[in-house]
Amino acid sequence: MTRGVLTSEVLVAEGWQRRFLADESRAREAQEMYSSSGFEVHLQRLMPDDFGEKCQDCAASVCTSYVVVYTRKPEPHMISVTRHDSGVVHVTLDQPKANILDAAMIGAIRGLLAEIQPSDRLLVFEGSGDHFCFGASVEEHQKEQAGAMLEAFHGMFRDLGVLGIPTCAVVRGQCLGGGLELASWCTWIVCTPEARLGQPEIQLAVFPPMASLLLPWRCGGAAALDLCVSGRSWTAEEALNRGLASAVVEDPTAWWQELVAKRLSRTSASSLRFAEKAARASLLNALRDELPELERLYLNELMGTADANEGITAFLEKRRPAFTNC
């Protein structure tokens, strides 16, 4: 800390930490303000010796002065990761209460994918709390942010395609929008009986580019049209009957553990990835060739309409949209 100076200037600005000098009244006011805004605040009282030789008047003023140190509280973990000796990497989407796939969580998932080891043979996605995921961040769907949002979100699927590791989604409760897109990518979707799966984007007057690519590949064009155009949700049993879900069970953890014990652990982890990429060849080609066109349709045409912007704005403002059909 700079010695012999008593001002309100920022003295240290490293990372999220900030410090400044203040008298007692201002220090207490700052403590209350920053605490209410989500900061951790500490007051460090200064004594005359902290400032070296001073005149008597200056020394007296220093005795009632403080360094105010405020630090941004740590962000939520976004995801929690558990590694098993069996080669399973278990990822919990951990952003209560809806496990929204915003930029921070997508970044955390992509960071994890970069750390997957050659011996890892299954990546399990699960949601914390009562639900898998309510979808991608609606705030980040706004016109000014949509391009960056799609680039990051679709980049996650491109990363998964390059990696080729088998995946499993454990779905409890609601699995909606971007959450269903993530689940639909997975090799297996295992649902509990009360699970609900849907692509409700059309209710906001937008469409899901990734689901438009994934769902026809996974469960057929008619099923994809039903989910993407109606915006309704399927029950777990309907998802199973229509080829979207792999199983509906009371204990999905036991289901994937049995899969690993009886199947995946008995073969080569590297060969599993070759098998994944081979079985997904048409999807990976579409990811490379067709997804850019869907992105262009979304960003350049859909987001140029009044209704798409109205749908998103109305949702954020918690009101009924006023569509003009254009």
C-alpha atoms as a PDB file:
ATOM      1  CA  MET A   1       0.000   0.000   0.000  1.00  0.00           C
ATOM      2  CA  THR A   2       1.236   3.500  -0.779  1.00  0.00           C
ATOM      3  CA  ARG A   3       2.541   5.173   2.379  1.00  0.00           C
ATOM      4  CA  GLY A   4       1.917   8.731   3.459  1.00  0.00           C
ATOM      5  CA  VAL A   5      -1.110   9.336   1.199  1.00  0.00           C
ATOM      6  CA  LEU A   6      -4.663   9.706   2.444  1.00  0.00           C
ATOM      7  CA  THR A   7      -7.062   9.856  -0.513  1.00  0.00           C
ATOM      8  CA  SER A   8     -10.072   8.021  -1.862  1.00  0.00           C
ATOM      9  CA  GLU A   9      -8.174   6.760  -4.903  1.00  0.00           C
ATOM     10  CA  VAL A  10      -8.040   3.045  -5.673  1.00  0.00           C
ATOM     11  CA  LEU A  11      -4.734   1.762  -4.367  1.00  0.00           C
ATOM     12  CA  VAL A  12      -4.931  -1.934  -5.320  1.00  0.00           C
ATOM     13  CA  ALA A  13      -6.929  -3.399  -8.199  1.00  0.00           C
ATOM     14  CA  GLU A  14      -5.933  -7.021  -8.577  1.00  0.00           C
ATOM     15  CA  GLY A  15      -8.538  -9.458  -9.847  1.00  0.00           C
ATOM     16  CA  TRP A  16     -11.813  -8.816  -8.052  1.00  0.00           C
ATOM     17  CA  GLN A  17     -10.224  -7.072  -5.056  1.00  0.00           C
ATOM     18  CA  ARG A  18     -10.412  -3.298  -4.616  1.00  0.00           C
ATOM     19  CA  ARG A  19      -9.060  -1.059  -1.821  1.00  0.00           C
ATOM     20  CA  PHE A  20      -9.490   2.607  -0.985  1.00  0.00           C
ATOM     21  CA  LEU A  21      -8.984   4.918   1.993  1.00  0.00           C
ATOM     22  CA  ALA A  22     -11.873   6.552   3.821  1.00  0.00           C
ATOM     23  CA  ASP A  23     -12.756   8.125   7.117  1.00  0.00           C
ATOM     24  CA  GLU A  24     -14.874   6.102   9.537  1.00  0.00           C
ATOM     25  CA  SER A  25     -18.233   7.457   8.374  1.00  0.00           C
ATOM     26  CA  ARG A  26     -17.545   6.806   4.700  1.00  0.00           C
ATOM     27  CA  ALA A  27     -15.984   3.421   5.465  1.00  0.00           C
ATOM     28  CA  ARG A  28     -19.114   2.240   7.294  1.00  0.00           C
ATOM     29  CA  GLU A  29     -21.326   3.529   4.476  1.00  0.00           C
ATOM     30  CA  ALA A  30     -19.187   1.700   1.897  1.00  0.00           C
ATOM     31  CA  GLN A  31     -19.283  -1.485   3.957  1.00  0.00           C
ATOM     32  CA  GLU A  32     -23.084  -1.499   3.967  1.00  0.00           C
ATOM     33  CA  MET A  33     -23.378  -0.619   0.279  1.00  0.00           C
ATOM     34  CA  TYR A  34     -20.890  -3.171  -1.027  1.00  0.00           C
ATOM     35  CA  SER A  35     -22.153  -5.940   1.276  1.00  0.00           C
ATOM     36  CA  SER A  36     -25.684  -5.486  -0.060  1.00  0.00           C
ATOM     37  CA  SER A  37     -24.305  -5.742  -3.606  1.00  0.00           C
ATOM     38  CA  GLY A  38     -22.743  -9.159  -3.081  1.00  0.00           C
ATOM     39  CA  PHE A  39     -19.214  -8.223  -2.010  1.00  0.00           C
ATOM     40  CA  GLU A  40     -17.203  -9.384   0.954  1.00  0.00           C
ATOM     41  CA  VAL A  41     -16.048  -6.250   2.790  1.00  0.00           C
ATOM     42  CA  HIS A  42     -13.330  -5.804   5.392  1.00  0.00           C
ATOM     43  CA  LEU A  43     -12.290  -2.602   7.154  1.00  0.00           C
ATOM     44  CA  GLN A  44      -8.661  -2.191   8.190  1.00  0.00           C
ATOM     45  CA  ARG A  45      -8.155   0.674  10.648  1.00  0.00           C
ATOM     46  CA  LEU A  46      -4.991   2.705  10.107  1.00  0.00           C
ATOM     47  CA  MET A  47      -2.746   4.063  12.828  1.00  0.00           C
ATOM     48  CA  PRO A  48      -0.300   6.994  12.542  1.00  0.00           C
ATOM     49  CA  ASP A  49       2.675   4.647  12.317  1.00  0.00           C
ATOM     50  CA  ASP A  50       1.306   3.345   8.996  1.00  0.00           C
ATOM     51  CA  PHE A  51       2.079   6.710   7.408  1.00  0.00           C
ATOM     52  CA  GLY A  52       5.533   7.519   8.743  1.00  0.00           C
ATOM     53  CA  GLU A  53       6.357  10.976  10.057  1.00  0.00           C
ATOM     54  CA  LYS A  54       3.451  13.402   9.916  1.00  0.00           C
ATOM     55  CA  CYS A  55       2.497  16.631  11.567  1.00  0.00           C
ATOM     56  CA  GLN A  56       0.295  16.368  14.631  1.00  0.00           C
ATOM     57  CA  ASP A  57      -2.878  17.351  12.741  1.00  0.00           C
ATOM     58  CA  CYS A  58      -2.311  14.749  10.014  1.00  0.00           C
ATOM     59  CA  ALA A  59      -1.587  12.048  12.575  1.00  0.00           C
ATOM     60  CA  ALA A  60      -4.844  12.831  14.337  1.00  0.00           C
ATOM     61  CA  SER A  61      -6.830  12.493  11.107  1.00  0.00           C
ATOM     62  CA  VAL A  62      -5.162   9.196  10.228  1.00  0.00           C
ATOM     63  CA  CYS A  63      -6.259   7.696  13.554  1.00  0.00           C
ATOM     64  CA  THR A  64      -9.879   7.689  12.362  1.00  0.00           C
ATOM     65  CA  SER A  65      -9.183   6.390   8.829  1.00  0.00           C
ATOM     66  CA  TYR A  66      -9.626   2.959   7.304  1.00  0.00           C
ATOM     67  CA  VAL A  67      -8.626   0.944   4.294  1.00  0.00           C
ATOM     68  CA  VAL A  68     -11.838  -0.481   2.813  1.00  0.00           C
ATOM     69  CA  VAL A  69     -11.163  -3.807   1.087  1.00  0.00           C
ATOM     70  CA  TYR A  70     -14.018  -5.251  -0.947  1.00  0.00           C
ATOM     71  CA  THR A  71     -13.861  -8.496  -2.884  1.00  0.00           C
ATOM     72  CA  ARG A  72     -16.391 -10.030  -5.223  1.00  0.00           C
ATOM     73  CA  LYS A  73     -17.757 -13.211  -3.707  1.00  0.00           C
ATOM     74  CA  PRO A  74     -16.858 -16.359  -5.664  1.00  0.00           C
ATOM     75  CA  GLU A  75     -19.218 -17.215  -8.475  1.00  0.00           C
ATOM     76  CA  PRO A  76     -21.165 -20.492  -8.223  1.00  0.00           C
ATOM     77  CA  HIS A  77     -19.223 -23.499  -9.427  1.00  0.00           C
ATOM     78  CA  MET A  78     -21.651 -23.853 -12.396  1.00  0.00           C
ATOM     79  CA  ILE A  79     -20.688 -27.511 -12.670  1.00  0.00           C
ATOM     80  CA  SER A  80     -19.356 -30.041 -10.204  1.00  0.00           C
ATOM     81  CA  VAL A  81     -17.273 -32.919 -11.489  1.00  0.00           C
ATOM     82  CA  THR A  82     -16.667 -36.369 -10.011  1.00  0.00           C
ATOM     83  CA  ARG A  83     -14.210 -38.815 -11.564  1.00  0.00           C
ATOM     84  CA  HIS A  84     -14.725 -42.538 -11.018  1.00  0.00           C
ATOM     85  CA  ASP A  85     -12.097 -45.276 -11.218  1.00  0.00           C
ATOM     86  CA  SER A  86     -14.271 -46.950 -13.878  1.00  0.00           C
ATOM     87  CA  GLY A  87     -13.443 -44.143 -16.335  1.00  0.00           C
ATOM     88  CA  VAL A  88     -16.706 -42.279 -15.754  1.00  0.00           C
ATOM     89  CA  VAL A  89     -16.664 -38.482 -15.538  1.00  0.00           C
ATOM     90  CA  HIS A  90     -19.845 -37.355 -13.782  1.00  0.00           C
ATOM     91  CA  VAL A  91     -20.835 -33.737 -14.436  1.00  0.00           C
ATOM     92  CA  THR A  92     -23.559 -32.047 -12.406  1.00  0.00           C
ATOM     93  CA  LEU A  93     -25.067 -28.857 -13.812  1.00  0.00           C
ATOM     94  CA  ASP A  94     -25.053 -26.834 -10.615  1.00  0.00           C
ATOM     95  CA  GLN A  95     -26.710 -23.464 -11.027  1.00  0.00           C
ATOM     96  CA  PRO A  96     -29.864 -23.490  -8.885  1.00  0.00           C
ATOM     97  CA  LYS A  97     -32.688 -23.423  -9.333  1.00  0.00           C
ATOM     98  CA  ALA A  98     -33.001 -24.179 -13.023  1.00  0.00           C
ATOM     99  CA  ASN A  99     -29.410 -25.036 -14.079  1.00  0.00           C
ATOM    100  CA  ILE A 100     -29.588 -22.489 -16.890  1.00  0.00           C
ATOM    101  CA  LEU A 101     -27.014 -23.000 -19.649  1.00  0.00           C
ATOM    102  CA  ASP A 102     -25.622 -19.483 -19.741  1.00  0.00           C
ATOM    103  CA  ALA A 103     -22.227 -18.411 -21.061  1.00  0.00           C
ATOM    104  CA  ALA A 104     -20.500 -19.166 -17.760  1.00  0.00           C
ATOM    105  CA  MET A 105     -21.838 -22.711 -17.521  1.00  0.00           C
ATOM    106  CA  ILE A 106     -21.138 -23.413 -21.195  1.00  0.00           C
ATOM    107  CA  GLY A 107     -17.595 -22.167 -20.658  1.00  0.00           C
ATOM    108  CA  ALA A 108     -17.210 -24.447 -17.645  1.00  0.00           C
ATOM    109  CA  ILE A 109     -18.398 -27.474 -19.636  1.00  0.00           C
ATOM    110  CA  ARG A 110     -16.085 -26.688 -22.539  1.00  0.00           C
ATOM    111  CA  GLY A 111     -13.216 -26.299 -20.110  1.00  0.00           C
ATOM    112  CA  LEU A 112     -13.962 -29.734 -18.702  1.00  0.00           C
ATOM    113  CA  LEU A 113     -14.115 -31.287 -22.179  1.00  0.00           C
ATOM    114  CA  ALA A 114     -10.587 -30.043 -22.818  1.00  0.00           C
ATOM    115  CA  GLU A 115      -9.439 -32.033 -19.766  1.00  0.00           C
ATOM    116  CA  ILE A 116     -11.010 -35.392 -20.658  1.00  0.00           C
ATOM    117  CA  GLN A 117      -8.399 -38.157 -20.493  1.00  0.00           C
ATOM    118  CA  PRO A 118      -7.837 -40.983 -23.023  1.00  0.00           C
ATOM    119  CA  SER A 119      -8.871 -43.536 -20.383  1.00  0.00           C
ATOM    120  CA  ASP A 120     -12.246 -41.846 -19.762  1.00  0.00           C
ATOM    121  CA  ARG A 121     -15.015 -43.924 -21.297  1.00  0.00           C
ATOM    122  CA  LEU A 122     -18.291 -42.230 -20.304  1.00  0.00           C
ATOM    123  CA  LEU A 123     -19.345 -38.646 -19.622  1.00  0.00           C
ATOM    124  CA  VAL A 124     -22.524 -38.397 -17.524  1.00  0.00           C
ATOM    125  CA  PHE A 125     -24.544 -35.169 -17.371  1.00  0.00           C
ATOM    126  CA  GLU A 126     -27.021 -34.632 -14.555  1.00  0.00           C
ATOM    127  CA  GLY A 127     -28.792 -31.622 -13.072  1.00  0.00           C
ATOM    128  CA  SER A 128     -28.621 -30.584  -9.433  1.00  0.00           C
ATOM    129  CA  GLY A 129     -31.909 -30.257  -7.582  1.00  0.00           C
ATOM    130  CA  ASP A 130     -35.245 -31.362  -8.986  1.00  0.00           C
ATOM    131  CA  HIS A 131     -34.606 -30.622 -12.667  1.00  0.00           C
ATOM    132  CA  PHE A 132     -32.096 -31.362 -15.391  1.00  0.00           C
ATOM    133  CA  CYS A 133     -32.072 -27.936 -17.055  1.00  0.00           C
ATOM    134  CA  PHE A 134     -34.574 -25.256 -18.037  1.00  0.00           C
ATOM    135  CA  GLY A 135     -32.562 -24.339 -21.131  1.00  0.00           C
ATOM    136  CA  ALA A 136     -30.161 -21.691 -22.355  1.00  0.00           C
ATOM    137  CA  SER A 137     -30.177 -18.160 -20.982  1.00  0.00           C
ATOM    138  CA  VAL A 138     -33.041 -16.136 -22.500  1.00  0.00           C
ATOM    139  CA  GLU A 139     -31.168 -12.929 -21.703  1.00  0.00           C
ATOM    140  CA  GLU A 140     -28.337 -14.103 -23.959  1.00  0.00           C
ATOM    141  CA  HIS A 141     -30.841 -14.746 -26.776  1.00  0.00           C
ATOM    142  CA  GLN A 142     -31.384 -11.022 -27.231  1.00  0.00           C
ATOM    143  CA  LYS A 143     -30.395  -9.764 -30.666  1.00  0.00           C
ATOM    144  CA  GLU A 144     -27.175  -8.078 -29.544  1.00  0.00           C
ATOM    145  CA  GLN A 145     -25.944 -11.211 -27.767  1.00  0.00           C
ATOM    146  CA  ALA A 146     -27.405 -13.977 -29.919  1.00  0.00           C
ATOM    147  CA  GLY A 147     -24.364 -14.376 -32.176  1.00  0.00           C
ATOM    148  CA  ALA A 148     -21.954 -14.882 -29.300  1.00  0.00           C
ATOM    149  CA  MET A 149     -24.452 -17.154 -27.543  1.00  0.00           C
ATOM    150  CA  LEU A 150     -24.843 -19.458 -30.548  1.00  0.00           C
ATOM    151  CA  GLU A 151     -21.106 -19.533 -31.186  1.00  0.00           C
ATOM    152  CA  ALA A 152     -20.386 -20.683 -27.625  1.00  0.00           C
ATOM    153  CA  PHE A 153     -23.351 -23.048 -27.329  1.00  0.00           C
ATOM    154  CA  HIS A 154     -22.789 -24.726 -30.671  1.00  0.00           C
ATOM    155  CA  GLY A 155     -19.061 -24.756 -29.980  1.00  0.00           C
ATOM    156  CA  MET A 156     -19.799 -27.064 -27.054  1.00  0.00           C
ATOM    157  CA  PHE A 157     -21.372 -29.605 -29.427  1.00  0.00           C
ATOM    158  CA  ARG A 158     -18.508 -29.266 -31.870  1.00  0.00           C
ATOM    159  CA  ASP A 159     -16.145 -29.998 -28.976  1.00  0.00           C
ATOM    160  CA  LEU A 160     -18.167 -33.083 -28.085  1.00  0.00           C
ATOM    161  CA  GLY A 161     -18.084 -34.210 -31.708  1.00  0.00           C
ATOM    162  CA  VAL A 162     -14.306 -33.944 -31.898  1.00  0.00           C
ATOM    163  CA  LEU A 163     -13.890 -35.679 -28.536  1.00  0.00           C
ATOM    164  CA  GLY A 164     -16.128 -38.601 -29.409  1.00  0.00           C
ATOM    165  CA  ILE A 165     -16.555 -39.868 -25.842  1.00  0.00           C
ATOM    166  CA  PRO A 166     -19.813 -41.764 -25.119  1.00  0.00           C
ATOM    167  CA  THR A 167     -22.253 -39.654 -23.105  1.00  0.00           C
ATOM    168  CA  CYS A 168     -25.305 -40.187 -20.916  1.00  0.00           C
ATOM    169  CA  ALA A 169     -27.894 -37.665 -19.733  1.00  0.00           C
ATOM    170  CA  VAL A 170     -29.689 -38.406 -16.465  1.00  0.00           C
ATOM    171  CA  VAL A 171     -32.973 -36.514 -16.723  1.00  0.00           C
ATOM    172  CA  ARG A 172     -35.142 -35.733 -13.736  1.00  0.00           C
ATOM    173  CA  GLY A 173     -37.894 -33.137 -13.755  1.00  0.00           C
ATOM    174  CA  GLN A 174     -37.846 -30.563 -16.527  1.00  0.00           C
ATOM    175  CA  CYS A 175     -35.452 -30.892 -19.465  1.00  0.00           C
ATOM    176  CA  LEU A 176     -36.186 -27.977 -21.766  1.00  0.00           C
ATOM    177  CA  GLY A 177     -34.722 -26.005 -24.656  1.00  0.00           C
ATOM    178  CA  GLY A 178     -30.943 -26.011 -24.593  1.00  0.00           C
ATOM    179  CA  GLY A 179     -31.100 -28.609 -21.835  1.00  0.00           C
ATOM    180  CA  LEU A 180     -32.883 -31.022 -24.164  1.00  0.00           C
ATOM    181  CA  GLU A 181     -30.400 -30.195 -26.915  1.00  0.00           C
ATOM    182  CA  LEU A 182     -27.567 -31.216 -24.587  1.00  0.00           C
ATOM    183  CA  ALA A 183     -29.429 -34.361 -23.555  1.00  0.00           C
ATOM    184  CA  SER A 184     -30.307 -35.185 -27.181  1.00  0.00           C
ATOM    185  CA  TRP A 185     -26.650 -35.142 -28.101  1.00  0.00           C
ATOM    186  CA  CYS A 186     -25.928 -37.834 -25.535  1.00  0.00           C
ATOM    187  CA  THR A 187     -25.508 -41.463 -26.506  1.00  0.00           C
ATOM    188  CA  TRP A 188     -28.117 -42.393 -23.898  1.00  0.00           C
ATOM    189  CA  ILE A 189     -30.906 -40.421 -22.214  1.00  0.00           C
ATOM    190  CA  VAL A 190     -32.097 -42.053 -19.002  1.00  0.00           C
ATOM    191  CA  CYS A 191     -35.234 -40.527 -17.483  1.00  0.00           C
ATOM    192  CA  THR A 192     -37.059 -40.871 -14.215  1.00  0.00           C
ATOM    193  CA  PRO A 193     -40.832 -41.402 -14.605  1.00  0.00           C
ATOM    194  CA  GLU A 194     -41.777 -37.796 -13.793  1.00  0.00           C
ATOM    195  CA  ALA A 195     -39.375 -36.256 -16.328  1.00  0.00           C
ATOM    196  CA  ARG A 196     -40.676 -33.855 -18.967  1.00  0.00           C
ATOM    197  CA  LEU A 197     -38.746 -33.092 -22.155  1.00  0.00           C
ATOM    198  CA  GLY A 198     -39.509 -30.247 -24.539  1.00  0.00           C
ATOM    199  CA  GLN A 199     -38.334 -27.558 -26.963  1.00  0.00           C
ATOM    200  CA  PRO A 200     -40.492 -24.561 -26.005  1.00  0.00           C
ATOM    201  CA  GLU A 201     -38.543 -21.954 -28.008  1.00  0.00           C
ATOM    202  CA  ILE A 202     -41.408 -21.397 -30.461  1.00  0.00           C
ATOM    203  CA  GLN A 203     -43.431 -19.942 -27.578  1.00  0.00           C
ATOM    204  CA  LEU A 204     -40.910 -17.071 -27.632  1.00  0.00           C
ATOM    205  CA  ALA A 205     -41.189 -16.887 -31.447  1.00  0.00           C
ATOM    206  CA  VAL A 206     -37.739 -18.376 -32.062  1.00  0.00           C
ATOM    207  CA  PHE A 207     -36.528 -21.849 -33.046  1.00  0.00           C
ATOM    208  CA  PRO A 208     -33.728 -24.097 -31.713  1.00  0.00           C
ATOM    209  CA  PRO A 209     -31.019 -24.556 -34.392  1.00  0.00           C
ATOM    210  CA  MET A 210     -29.237 -27.411 -32.651  1.00  0.00           C
ATOM    211  CA  ALA A 211     -32.435 -29.331 -31.903  1.00  0.00           C
ATOM    212  CA  SER A 212     -33.484 -28.841 -35.528  1.00  0.00           C
ATOM    213  CA  LEU A 213     -30.360 -30.762 -36.482  1.00  0.00           C
ATOM    214  CA  LEU A 214     -30.226 -33.282 -33.644  1.00  0.00           C
ATOM    215  CA  LEU A 215     -33.817 -34.419 -33.224  1.00  0.00           C
ATOM    216  CA  PRO A 216     -34.473 -35.633 -36.813  1.00  0.00           C
ATOM    217  CA  TRP A 217     -31.218 -37.611 -36.583  1.00  0.00           C
ATOM    218  CA  ARG A 218     -32.128 -39.069 -33.202  1.00  0.00           C
ATOM    219  CA  CYS A 219     -35.841 -39.788 -33.349  1.00  0.00           C
ATOM    220  CA  GLY A 220     -37.092 -38.891 -36.834  1.00  0.00           C
ATOM    221  CA  GLY A 221     -38.538 -35.917 -38.658  1.00  0.00           C
ATOM    222  CA  ALA A 222     -42.098 -36.269 -37.385  1.00  0.00           C
ATOM    223  CA  ALA A 223     -40.970 -36.305 -33.759  1.00  0.00           C
ATOM    224  CA  ALA A 224     -38.674 -33.334 -34.360  1.00  0.00           C
ATOM    225  CA  LEU A 225     -41.500 -31.363 -35.966  1.00  0.00           C
ATOM    226  CA  ASP A 226     -43.808 -32.117 -33.062  1.00  0.00           C
ATOM    227  CA  LEU A 227     -41.316 -30.882 -30.449  1.00  0.00           C
ATOM    228  CA  CYS A 228     -39.975 -27.865 -32.338  1.00  0.00           C
ATOM    229  CA  VAL A 229     -43.184 -26.597 -33.941  1.00  0.00           C
ATOM    230  CA  SER A 230     -45.739 -27.317 -31.205  1.00  0.00           C
ATOM    231  CA  GLY A 231     -43.418 -26.336 -28.351  1.00  0.00           C
ATOM    232  CA  ARG A 232     -45.060 -28.923 -26.132  1.00  0.00           C
ATOM    233  CA  SER A 233     -43.267 -31.237 -23.716  1.00  0.00           C
ATOM    234  CA  TRP A 234     -43.258 -35.010 -23.786  1.00  0.00           C
ATOM    235  CA  THR A 235     -43.619 -37.263 -20.799  1.00  0.00           C
ATOM    236  CA  ALA A 236     -40.774 -39.667 -20.103  1.00  0.00           C
ATOM    237  CA  GLU A 237     -42.840 -42.566 -21.462  1.00  0.00           C
ATOM    238  CA  GLU A 238     -43.628 -40.691 -24.676  1.00  0.00           C
ATOM    239  CA  ALA A 239     -39.951 -39.831 -25.093  1.00  0.00           C
ATOM    240  CA  LEU A 240     -39.139 -43.530 -24.676  1.00  0.00           C
ATOM    241  CA  ASN A 241     -41.827 -44.687 -27.104  1.00  0.00           C
ATOM    242  CA  ARG A 242     -40.759 -42.170 -29.756  1.00  0.00           C
ATOM    243  CA  GLY A 243     -37.083 -43.049 -29.598  1.00  0.00           C
ATOM    244  CA  LEU A 244     -35.779 -40.001 -27.762  1.00  0.00           C
ATOM    245  CA  ALA A 245     -35.152 -41.604 -24.366  1.00  0.00           C
ATOM    246  CA  SER A 246     -33.189 -44.821 -23.868  1.00  0.00           C
ATOM    247  CA  ALA A 247     -34.832 -45.889 -20.607  1.00  0.00           C
ATOM    248  CA  VAL A 248     -37.299 -44.765 -17.951  1.00  0.00           C
ATOM    249  CA  VAL A 249     -36.264 -46.011 -14.520  1.00  0.00           C
ATOM    250  CA  GLU A 250     -36.579 -45.079 -10.872  1.00  0.00           C
ATOM    251  CA  ASP A 251     -32.806 -45.238 -10.352  1.00  0.00           C
ATOM    252  CA  PRO A 252     -30.936 -43.826 -13.370  1.00  0.00           C
ATOM    253  CA  THR A 253     -27.597 -43.941 -11.529  1.00  0.00           C
ATOM    254  CA  ALA A 254     -27.886 -47.702 -11.148  1.00  0.00           C
ATOM    255  CA  TRP A 255     -28.779 -47.887 -14.862  1.00  0.00           C
ATOM    256  CA  TRP A 256     -25.607 -46.220 -16.121  1.00  0.00           C
ATOM    257  CA  GLN A 257     -23.446 -47.969 -13.532  1.00  0.00           C
ATOM    258  CA  GLU A 258     -24.686 -51.309 -14.834  1.00  0.00           C
ATOM    259  CA  LEU A 259     -24.010 -50.158 -18.396  1.00  0.00           C
ATOM    260  CA  VAL A 260     -20.422 -49.367 -17.488  1.00  0.00           C
ATOM    261  CA  ALA A 261     -19.883 -52.577 -15.515  1.00  0.00           C
ATOM    262  CA  LYS A 262     -21.391 -54.941 -18.061  1.00  0.00           C
ATOM    263  CA  ARG A 263     -20.523 -53.172 -21.330  1.00  0.00           C
ATOM    264  CA  LEU A 264     -18.241 -50.177 -21.468  1.00  0.00           C
ATOM    265  CA  SER A 265     -15.597 -51.336 -18.984  1.00  0.00           C
ATOM    266  CA  ARG A 266     -15.022 -54.542 -20.991  1.00  0.00           C
ATOM    267  CA  THR A 267     -13.690 -52.842 -24.088  1.00  0.00           C
ATOM    268  CA  SER A 268     -11.171 -50.227 -25.182  1.00  0.00           C
ATOM    269  CA  ALA A 269     -11.869 -46.608 -24.261  1.00  0.00           C
ATOM    270  CA  SER A 270     -10.241 -45.439 -27.487  1.00  0.00           C
ATOM    271  CA  SER A 271     -12.275 -47.883 -29.594  1.00  0.00           C
ATOM    272  CA  LEU A 272     -15.479 -46.614 -27.975  1.00  0.00           C
ATOM    273  CA  ARG A 273     -14.666 -43.196 -29.395  1.00  0.00           C
ATOM    274  CA  PHE A 274     -14.097 -44.577 -32.871  1.00  0.00           C
ATOM    275  CA  ALA A 275     -17.460 -46.360 -32.619  1.00  0.00           C
ATOM    276  CA  GLU A 276     -19.154 -43.129 -31.498  1.00  0.00           C
ATOM    277  CA  LYS A 277     -17.731 -41.125 -34.379  1.00  0.00           C
ATOM    278  CA  ALA A 278     -18.612 -43.813 -36.914  1.00  0.00           C
ATOM    279  CA  ALA A 279     -22.203 -44.100 -35.701  1.00  0.00           C
ATOM    280  CA  ARG A 280     -22.527 -40.299 -35.707  1.00  0.00           C
ATOM    281  CA  ALA A 281     -20.919 -39.774 -39.122  1.00  0.00           C
ATOM    282  CA  SER A 282     -24.019 -38.258 -40.739  1.00  0.00           C
ATOM    283  CA  LEU A 283     -24.653 -36.040 -37.708  1.00  0.00           C
ATOM    284  CA  LEU A 284     -21.040 -34.830 -37.627  1.00  0.00           C
ATOM    285  CA  ASN A 285     -21.261 -34.007 -41.336  1.00  0.00           C
ATOM    286  CA  ALA A 286     -24.460 -32.053 -40.682  1.00  0.00           C
ATOM    287  CA  LEU A 287     -22.772 -30.264 -37.792  1.00  0.00           C
ATOM    288  CA  ARG A 288     -20.073 -29.126 -40.192  1.00  0.00           C
ATOM    289  CA  ASP A 289     -22.171 -28.412 -43.291  1.00  0.00           C
ATOM    290  CA  GLU A 290     -25.756 -27.663 -42.207  1.00  0.00           C
ATOM    291  CA  LEU A 291     -25.505 -26.009 -38.792  1.00  0.00           C
ATOM    292  CA  PRO A 292     -23.865 -22.838 -40.214  1.00  0.00           C
ATOM    293  CA  GLU A 293     -26.906 -22.374 -42.467  1.00  0.00           C
ATOM    294  CA  LEU A 294     -29.273 -22.754 -39.500  1.00  0.00           C
ATOM    295  CA  GLU A 295     -27.175 -20.208 -37.610  1.00  0.00           C
ATOM    296  CA  ARG A 296     -27.457 -17.806 -40.561  1.00  0.00           C
ATOM    297  CA  LEU A 297     -31.226 -18.351 -40.717  1.00  0.00           C
ATOM    298  CA  TYR A 298     -31.525 -17.616 -36.995  1.00  0.00           C
ATOM    299  CA  LEU A 299     -29.229 -14.610 -36.789  1.00  0.00           C
ATOM    300  CA  ASN A 300     -29.716 -12.902 -40.156  1.00  0.00           C
ATOM    301  CA  GLU A 301     -33.384 -13.589 -40.807  1.00  0.00           C
ATOM    302  CA  LEU A 302     -35.289 -14.644 -37.688  1.00  0.00           C
ATOM    303  CA  MET A 303     -33.676 -12.046 -35.427  1.00  0.00           C
ATOM    304  CA  GLY A 304     -34.506  -9.401 -38.016  1.00  0.00           C
ATOM    305  CA  THR A 305     -38.218  -9.923 -37.371  1.00  0.00           C
ATOM    306  CA  ALA A 306     -40.268  -7.945 -34.891  1.00  0.00           C
ATOM    307  CA  ASP A 307     -41.914 -11.014 -33.405  1.00  0.00           C
ATOM    308  CA  ALA A 308     -38.718 -12.852 -32.469  1.00  0.00           C
ATOM    309  CA  ASN A 309     -37.481  -9.817 -30.571  1.00  0.00           C
ATOM    310  CA  GLU A 310     -40.905  -9.234 -29.044  1.00  0.00           C
ATOM    311  CA  GLY A 311     -41.120 -12.828 -27.811  1.00  0.00           C
ATOM    312  CA  ILE A 312     -37.795 -12.622 -26.015  1.00  0.00           C
ATOM    313  CA  THR A 313     -38.466  -9.146 -24.619  1.00  0.00           C
ATOM    314  CA  ALA A 314     -41.915 -10.127 -23.360  1.00  0.00           C
ATOM    315  CA  PHE A 315     -40.468 -13.153 -21.579  1.00  0.00           C
ATOM    316  CA  LEU A 316     -37.831 -11.046 -19.857  1.00  0.00           C
ATOM    317  CA  GLU A 317     -40.437  -8.444 -18.909  1.00  0.00           C
ATOM    318  CA  LYS A 318     -42.794 -11.193 -17.677  1.00  0.00           C
ATOM    319  CA  ARG A 319     -45.700 -10.131 -19.842  1.00  0.00           C
ATOM    320  CA  ARG A 320     -47.793 -11.591 -22.642  1.00  0.00           C
ATOM    321  CA  PRO A 321     -46.174 -11.026 -26.066  1.00  0.00           C
ATOM    322  CA  ALA A 322     -47.930  -8.850 -28.623  1.00  0.00           C
ATOM    323  CA  PHE A 323     -47.070 -10.570 -31.898  1.00  0.00           C
ATOM    324  CA  THR A 324     -47.676  -8.797 -35.216  1.00  0.00           C
ATOM    325  CA  ASN A 325     -46.905 -11.818 -37.406  1.00  0.00           C
ATOM    326  CA  CYS A 326     -43.905 -10.213 -38.988  1.00  0.00           C
END
